[in-house]
Amino acid sequence: TTLWGQGFENNFPGLFDSYGGVINPKIDADGNVNAVVMGTDTELMGFLIDPALFYGVRATNESNVSIHNNVITGHGVGGILIENTDGGNHSGFSIVGNTITENGGYYGGFGVRVVNSSGSNSSDFSIHGNTIGATDSYYGNNSHGIYITNNDGGSVLDNVSIMGNTIQGNNGDGISLDNNSDNTATNF
């Protein structure tokens, strides 16, 4: 399933406001728990994702999830959450070219969080070219820019690529990896 907000198939850069700035079509969470819940084999591109009570974008126990070229700002717990907690095998996560800012307020407040637990095997993450934190227009996130946790029950996290991101002005670490002793994290 593909949800394209800006019609990028012909390199169309988006809609413009009266000042020449790009404006993305809006997904308004209107106080719901999560603004967007991703499934397996899904793509989300080119939206302004307005505040939700918990997460801007959430994928739980899914594979082949692509989240790119969105503005994700003002969510209560965090911008993007990818969590694999069912003990299964999950792969193929792309988080590219997003602006992720001003998340947090209730607790947490991370830009991107990856949770791998309960014996899950998760692989092939690309977190590239995002702006995570403070910009000229936005404040930083209330916690870590990118927060990766690999915990519980012999979980394996493999092939995670984090490159070309601008991570600044967050209230926690730029990138934080929490890997408990009975788990494996390789190819970072």
C-alpha atoms as a PDB file:
ATOM      1  CA  THR A   1       0.000   0.000   0.000  1.00  0.00           C
ATOM      2  CA  THR A   2       1.371   3.404  -0.965  1.00  0.00           C
ATOM      3  CA  LEU A   3       0.223   6.771   0.347  1.00  0.00           C
ATOM      4  CA  TRP A   4       1.900   9.635  -1.532  1.00  0.00           C
ATOM      5  CA  GLY A   5       1.156  13.137  -0.392  1.00  0.00           C
ATOM      6  CA  GLN A   6       3.107  15.090  -2.996  1.00  0.00           C
ATOM      7  CA  GLY A   7       2.977  12.994  -6.149  1.00  0.00           C
ATOM      8  CA  PHE A   8       6.726  12.394  -6.343  1.00  0.00           C
ATOM      9  CA  GLU A   9       6.515   9.972  -9.270  1.00  0.00           C
ATOM     10  CA  ASN A  10       7.458  12.788 -11.696  1.00  0.00           C
ATOM     11  CA  ASN A  11       9.873  14.549  -9.307  1.00  0.00           C
ATOM     12  CA  PHE A  12       7.180  17.041  -8.368  1.00  0.00           C
ATOM     13  CA  PRO A  13       8.561  18.798  -5.266  1.00  0.00           C
ATOM     14  CA  GLY A  14       5.221  19.499  -3.621  1.00  0.00           C
ATOM     15  CA  LEU A  15       2.816  22.370  -3.291  1.00  0.00           C
ATOM     16  CA  PHE A  16       4.032  25.886  -2.571  1.00  0.00           C
ATOM     17  CA  ASP A  17       2.692  28.519  -0.207  1.00  0.00           C
ATOM     18  CA  SER A  18       2.514  32.218  -1.128  1.00  0.00           C
ATOM     19  CA  TYR A  19       6.114  32.694   0.064  1.00  0.00           C
ATOM     20  CA  GLY A  20       7.514  29.975  -2.217  1.00  0.00           C
ATOM     21  CA  GLY A  21       7.923  27.410   0.572  1.00  0.00           C
ATOM     22  CA  VAL A  22       6.878  23.809   0.107  1.00  0.00           C
ATOM     23  CA  ILE A  23       3.714  22.778   1.943  1.00  0.00           C
ATOM     24  CA  ASN A  24       2.843  19.139   2.260  1.00  0.00           C
ATOM     25  CA  PRO A  25      -0.702  17.799   2.419  1.00  0.00           C
ATOM     26  CA  LYS A  26      -1.610  17.290   6.073  1.00  0.00           C
ATOM     27  CA  ILE A  27      -2.508  14.214   8.062  1.00  0.00           C
ATOM     28  CA  ASP A  28      -4.188  15.644  11.152  1.00  0.00           C
ATOM     29  CA  ALA A  29      -4.203  13.185  14.058  1.00  0.00           C
ATOM     30  CA  ASP A  30      -6.729  15.358  15.881  1.00  0.00           C
ATOM     31  CA  GLY A  31      -5.663  13.964  19.252  1.00  0.00           C
ATOM     32  CA  ASN A  32      -5.815  10.286  18.276  1.00  0.00           C
ATOM     33  CA  VAL A  33      -3.292   7.895  19.837  1.00  0.00           C
ATOM     34  CA  ASN A  34      -1.229   7.493  16.621  1.00  0.00           C
ATOM     35  CA  ALA A  35      -1.401   9.624  13.486  1.00  0.00           C
ATOM     36  CA  VAL A  36      -0.373   6.850  11.047  1.00  0.00           C
ATOM     37  CA  VAL A  37      -0.129   3.092  11.691  1.00  0.00           C
ATOM     38  CA  MET A  38       1.923   1.285   9.044  1.00  0.00           C
ATOM     39  CA  GLY A  39       1.416  -2.304   7.894  1.00  0.00           C
ATOM     40  CA  THR A  40       3.682  -4.731   6.057  1.00  0.00           C
ATOM     41  CA  ASP A  41       4.657  -3.604   2.528  1.00  0.00           C
ATOM     42  CA  THR A  42       3.607   0.020   3.034  1.00  0.00           C
ATOM     43  CA  GLU A  43       5.020   3.392   1.988  1.00  0.00           C
ATOM     44  CA  LEU A  44       4.272   6.852   3.413  1.00  0.00           C
ATOM     45  CA  MET A  45       5.681   9.863   1.578  1.00  0.00           C
ATOM     46  CA  GLY A  46       5.267  13.611   1.377  1.00  0.00           C
ATOM     47  CA  PHE A  47       2.992  14.553   4.278  1.00  0.00           C
ATOM     48  CA  LEU A  48       2.911  16.981   7.177  1.00  0.00           C
ATOM     49  CA  ILE A  49       1.883  14.727  10.060  1.00  0.00           C
ATOM     50  CA  ASP A  50       0.319  16.825  12.810  1.00  0.00           C
ATOM     51  CA  PRO A  51       0.256  16.007  16.531  1.00  0.00           C
ATOM     52  CA  ALA A  52      -1.005  12.722  17.897  1.00  0.00           C
ATOM     53  CA  LEU A  53      -1.240  11.780  21.540  1.00  0.00           C
ATOM     54  CA  PHE A  54       1.534   9.146  21.190  1.00  0.00           C
ATOM     55  CA  TYR A  55       3.306   8.601  17.836  1.00  0.00           C
ATOM     56  CA  GLY A  56       3.427  10.339  14.480  1.00  0.00           C
ATOM     57  CA  VAL A  57       4.130   7.082  12.629  1.00  0.00           C
ATOM     58  CA  ARG A  58       4.073   3.611  14.186  1.00  0.00           C
ATOM     59  CA  ALA A  59       4.821   0.146  12.771  1.00  0.00           C
ATOM     60  CA  THR A  60       4.471  -2.871  15.073  1.00  0.00           C
ATOM     61  CA  ASN A  61       5.691  -6.334  13.986  1.00  0.00           C
ATOM     62  CA  GLU A  62       5.746  -5.402  10.299  1.00  0.00           C
ATOM     63  CA  SER A  63       8.245  -5.686   7.399  1.00  0.00           C
ATOM     64  CA  ASN A  64       9.043  -3.644   4.294  1.00  0.00           C
ATOM     65  CA  VAL A  65       8.048  -0.262   5.681  1.00  0.00           C
ATOM     66  CA  SER A  66       9.138   2.942   3.919  1.00  0.00           C
ATOM     67  CA  ILE A  67       8.683   6.358   5.535  1.00  0.00           C
ATOM     68  CA  HIS A  68      10.195   9.201   3.537  1.00  0.00           C
ATOM     69  CA  ASN A  69      10.028  12.918   2.785  1.00  0.00           C
ATOM     70  CA  ASN A  70       7.534  13.735   5.559  1.00  0.00           C
ATOM     71  CA  VAL A  71       7.448  16.442   8.236  1.00  0.00           C
ATOM     72  CA  ILE A  72       6.685  14.702  11.545  1.00  0.00           C
ATOM     73  CA  THR A  73       6.318  17.154  14.402  1.00  0.00           C
ATOM     74  CA  GLY A  74       4.666  17.741  17.766  1.00  0.00           C
ATOM     75  CA  HIS A  75       3.720  14.201  18.845  1.00  0.00           C
ATOM     76  CA  GLY A  76       3.338  13.359  22.530  1.00  0.00           C
ATOM     77  CA  VAL A  77       5.756  10.405  22.758  1.00  0.00           C
ATOM     78  CA  GLY A  78       7.794  10.316  19.564  1.00  0.00           C
ATOM     79  CA  GLY A  79       8.036  10.927  15.853  1.00  0.00           C
ATOM     80  CA  ILE A  80       8.558   7.420  14.392  1.00  0.00           C
ATOM     81  CA  LEU A  81       8.361   4.115  16.272  1.00  0.00           C
ATOM     82  CA  ILE A  82       9.359   0.815  14.665  1.00  0.00           C
ATOM     83  CA  GLU A  83       8.815  -2.008  17.163  1.00  0.00           C
ATOM     84  CA  ASN A  84       9.212  -5.739  16.701  1.00  0.00           C
ATOM     85  CA  THR A  85       8.141  -7.549  19.840  1.00  0.00           C
ATOM     86  CA  ASP A  86       6.440 -10.764  18.681  1.00  0.00           C
ATOM     87  CA  GLY A  87       9.528 -13.009  18.471  1.00  0.00           C
ATOM     88  CA  GLY A  88       9.230 -13.140  14.665  1.00  0.00           C
ATOM     89  CA  ASN A  89      11.505 -12.196  11.766  1.00  0.00           C
ATOM     90  CA  HIS A  90      11.104  -8.677  10.358  1.00  0.00           C
ATOM     91  CA  SER A  91      13.145  -6.801   7.753  1.00  0.00           C
ATOM     92  CA  GLY A  92      13.209  -3.905   5.312  1.00  0.00           C
ATOM     93  CA  PHE A  93      12.796  -0.552   7.056  1.00  0.00           C
ATOM     94  CA  SER A  94      13.551   2.707   5.273  1.00  0.00           C
ATOM     95  CA  ILE A  95      13.348   6.063   7.066  1.00  0.00           C
ATOM     96  CA  VAL A  96      14.736   8.609   4.600  1.00  0.00           C
ATOM     97  CA  GLY A  97      14.549  12.377   4.053  1.00  0.00           C
ATOM     98  CA  ASN A  98      12.112  13.232   6.845  1.00  0.00           C
ATOM     99  CA  THR A  99      12.086  16.270   9.135  1.00  0.00           C
ATOM    100  CA  ILE A 100      11.368  14.999  12.660  1.00  0.00           C
ATOM    101  CA  THR A 101      11.089  17.694  15.340  1.00  0.00           C
ATOM    102  CA  GLU A 102       9.367  18.918  18.505  1.00  0.00           C
ATOM    103  CA  ASN A 103       8.259  15.463  19.676  1.00  0.00           C
ATOM    104  CA  GLY A 104       7.769  14.760  23.374  1.00  0.00           C
ATOM    105  CA  GLY A 105       5.878  16.320  26.164  1.00  0.00           C
ATOM    106  CA  TYR A 106       4.183  13.408  27.886  1.00  0.00           C
ATOM    107  CA  TYR A 107       7.262  11.184  28.130  1.00  0.00           C
ATOM    108  CA  GLY A 108       9.975  10.069  25.769  1.00  0.00           C
ATOM    109  CA  GLY A 109      10.149  12.565  22.995  1.00  0.00           C
ATOM    110  CA  PHE A 110      12.520  10.746  20.628  1.00  0.00           C
ATOM    111  CA  GLY A 111      12.762  11.476  16.924  1.00  0.00           C
ATOM    112  CA  VAL A 112      13.120   7.861  15.690  1.00  0.00           C
ATOM    113  CA  ARG A 113      12.897   4.836  17.972  1.00  0.00           C
ATOM    114  CA  VAL A 114      13.549   1.216  17.056  1.00  0.00           C
ATOM    115  CA  VAL A 115      12.511  -1.407  19.641  1.00  0.00           C
ATOM    116  CA  ASN A 116      13.496  -5.029  19.099  1.00  0.00           C
ATOM    117  CA  SER A 117      12.582  -7.457  21.895  1.00  0.00           C
ATOM    118  CA  SER A 118      11.056 -10.780  22.978  1.00  0.00           C
ATOM    119  CA  GLY A 119      13.397 -12.820  20.786  1.00  0.00           C
ATOM    120  CA  SER A 120      12.579 -10.937  17.575  1.00  0.00           C
ATOM    121  CA  ASN A 121      15.035 -10.958  14.668  1.00  0.00           C
ATOM    122  CA  SER A 122      14.986  -7.610  12.879  1.00  0.00           C
ATOM    123  CA  SER A 123      17.235  -6.522  10.019  1.00  0.00           C
ATOM    124  CA  ASP A 124      17.875  -4.124   7.161  1.00  0.00           C
ATOM    125  CA  PHE A 125      17.249  -0.664   8.559  1.00  0.00           C
ATOM    126  CA  SER A 126      18.174   2.449   6.547  1.00  0.00           C
ATOM    127  CA  ILE A 127      17.944   5.698   8.485  1.00  0.00           C
ATOM    128  CA  HIS A 128      19.411   8.205   6.008  1.00  0.00           C
ATOM    129  CA  GLY A 129      19.240  11.894   5.203  1.00  0.00           C
ATOM    130  CA  ASN A 130      16.774  12.937   7.891  1.00  0.00           C
ATOM    131  CA  THR A 131      16.732  16.175   9.865  1.00  0.00           C
ATOM    132  CA  ILE A 132      16.125  15.113  13.449  1.00  0.00           C
ATOM    133  CA  GLY A 133      15.912  17.919  15.983  1.00  0.00           C
ATOM    134  CA  ALA A 134      16.120  21.691  15.897  1.00  0.00           C
ATOM    135  CA  THR A 135      15.923  23.610  12.619  1.00  0.00           C
ATOM    136  CA  ASP A 136      15.389  27.275  11.815  1.00  0.00           C
ATOM    137  CA  SER A 137      11.629  26.659  12.080  1.00  0.00           C
ATOM    138  CA  TYR A 138      11.352  23.961  14.763  1.00  0.00           C
ATOM    139  CA  TYR A 139      12.621  23.083  18.250  1.00  0.00           C
ATOM    140  CA  GLY A 140      14.406  19.800  18.938  1.00  0.00           C
ATOM    141  CA  ASN A 141      12.882  16.581  20.251  1.00  0.00           C
ATOM    142  CA  ASN A 142      12.485  16.124  23.999  1.00  0.00           C
ATOM    143  CA  SER A 143      14.787  13.062  24.160  1.00  0.00           C
ATOM    144  CA  HIS A 144      17.203  11.208  21.844  1.00  0.00           C
ATOM    145  CA  GLY A 145      17.354  11.910  18.131  1.00  0.00           C
ATOM    146  CA  ILE A 146      17.620   8.200  17.245  1.00  0.00           C
ATOM    147  CA  TYR A 147      17.057   5.656  20.026  1.00  0.00           C
ATOM    148  CA  ILE A 148      17.604   1.956  19.340  1.00  0.00           C
ATOM    149  CA  THR A 149      16.805  -0.658  21.995  1.00  0.00           C
ATOM    150  CA  ASN A 150      17.538  -4.343  21.552  1.00  0.00           C
ATOM    151  CA  ASN A 151      16.386  -6.132  24.695  1.00  0.00           C
ATOM    152  CA  ASP A 152      14.679  -9.206  26.158  1.00  0.00           C
ATOM    153  CA  GLY A 153      15.016 -12.832  25.239  1.00  0.00           C
ATOM    154  CA  GLY A 154      17.899 -13.222  22.822  1.00  0.00           C
ATOM    155  CA  SER A 155      16.753 -10.688  20.240  1.00  0.00           C
ATOM    156  CA  VAL A 156      18.920 -10.108  17.158  1.00  0.00           C
ATOM    157  CA  LEU A 157      19.210  -6.715  15.453  1.00  0.00           C
ATOM    158  CA  ASP A 158      21.252  -6.787  12.230  1.00  0.00           C
ATOM    159  CA  ASN A 159      22.298  -4.540   9.356  1.00  0.00           C
ATOM    160  CA  VAL A 160      21.384  -1.078  10.615  1.00  0.00           C
ATOM    161  CA  SER A 161      22.655   1.808   8.471  1.00  0.00           C
ATOM    162  CA  ILE A 162      22.503   5.319   9.925  1.00  0.00           C
ATOM    163  CA  MET A 163      24.109   7.955   7.699  1.00  0.00           C
ATOM    164  CA  GLY A 164      23.776  11.463   6.332  1.00  0.00           C
ATOM    165  CA  ASN A 165      21.354  12.639   9.021  1.00  0.00           C
ATOM    166  CA  THR A 166      21.413  16.080  10.646  1.00  0.00           C
ATOM    167  CA  ILE A 167      20.828  15.457  14.347  1.00  0.00           C
ATOM    168  CA  GLN A 168      20.956  18.540  16.563  1.00  0.00           C
ATOM    169  CA  GLY A 169      19.247  20.365  19.390  1.00  0.00           C
ATOM    170  CA  ASN A 170      17.575  17.339  21.005  1.00  0.00           C
ATOM    171  CA  ASN A 171      17.410  16.965  24.801  1.00  0.00           C
ATOM    172  CA  GLY A 172      19.086  13.531  24.779  1.00  0.00           C
ATOM    173  CA  ASP A 173      21.815  11.785  22.828  1.00  0.00           C
ATOM    174  CA  GLY A 174      22.041  12.235  19.090  1.00  0.00           C
ATOM    175  CA  ILE A 175      22.113   8.452  18.611  1.00  0.00           C
ATOM    176  CA  SER A 176      21.659   5.996  21.490  1.00  0.00           C
ATOM    177  CA  LEU A 177      22.001   2.186  21.331  1.00  0.00           C
ATOM    178  CA  ASP A 178      20.781   0.118  24.275  1.00  0.00           C
ATOM    179  CA  ASN A 179      21.742  -3.542  23.756  1.00  0.00           C
ATOM    180  CA  ASN A 180      21.174  -5.864  26.737  1.00  0.00           C
ATOM    181  CA  SER A 181      23.622  -8.692  27.450  1.00  0.00           C
ATOM    182  CA  ASP A 182      21.611 -11.624  26.078  1.00  0.00           C
ATOM    183  CA  ASN A 183      21.011  -9.979  22.694  1.00  0.00           C
ATOM    184  CA  THR A 184      23.032  -9.446  19.515  1.00  0.00           C
ATOM    185  CA  ALA A 185      23.445  -6.218  17.549  1.00  0.00           C
ATOM    186  CA  THR A 186      25.604  -6.552  14.401  1.00  0.00           C
ATOM    187  CA  ASN A 187      26.530  -4.619  11.249  1.00  0.00           C
ATOM    188  CA  PHE A 188      25.894  -1.088  12.447  1.00  0.00           C
END
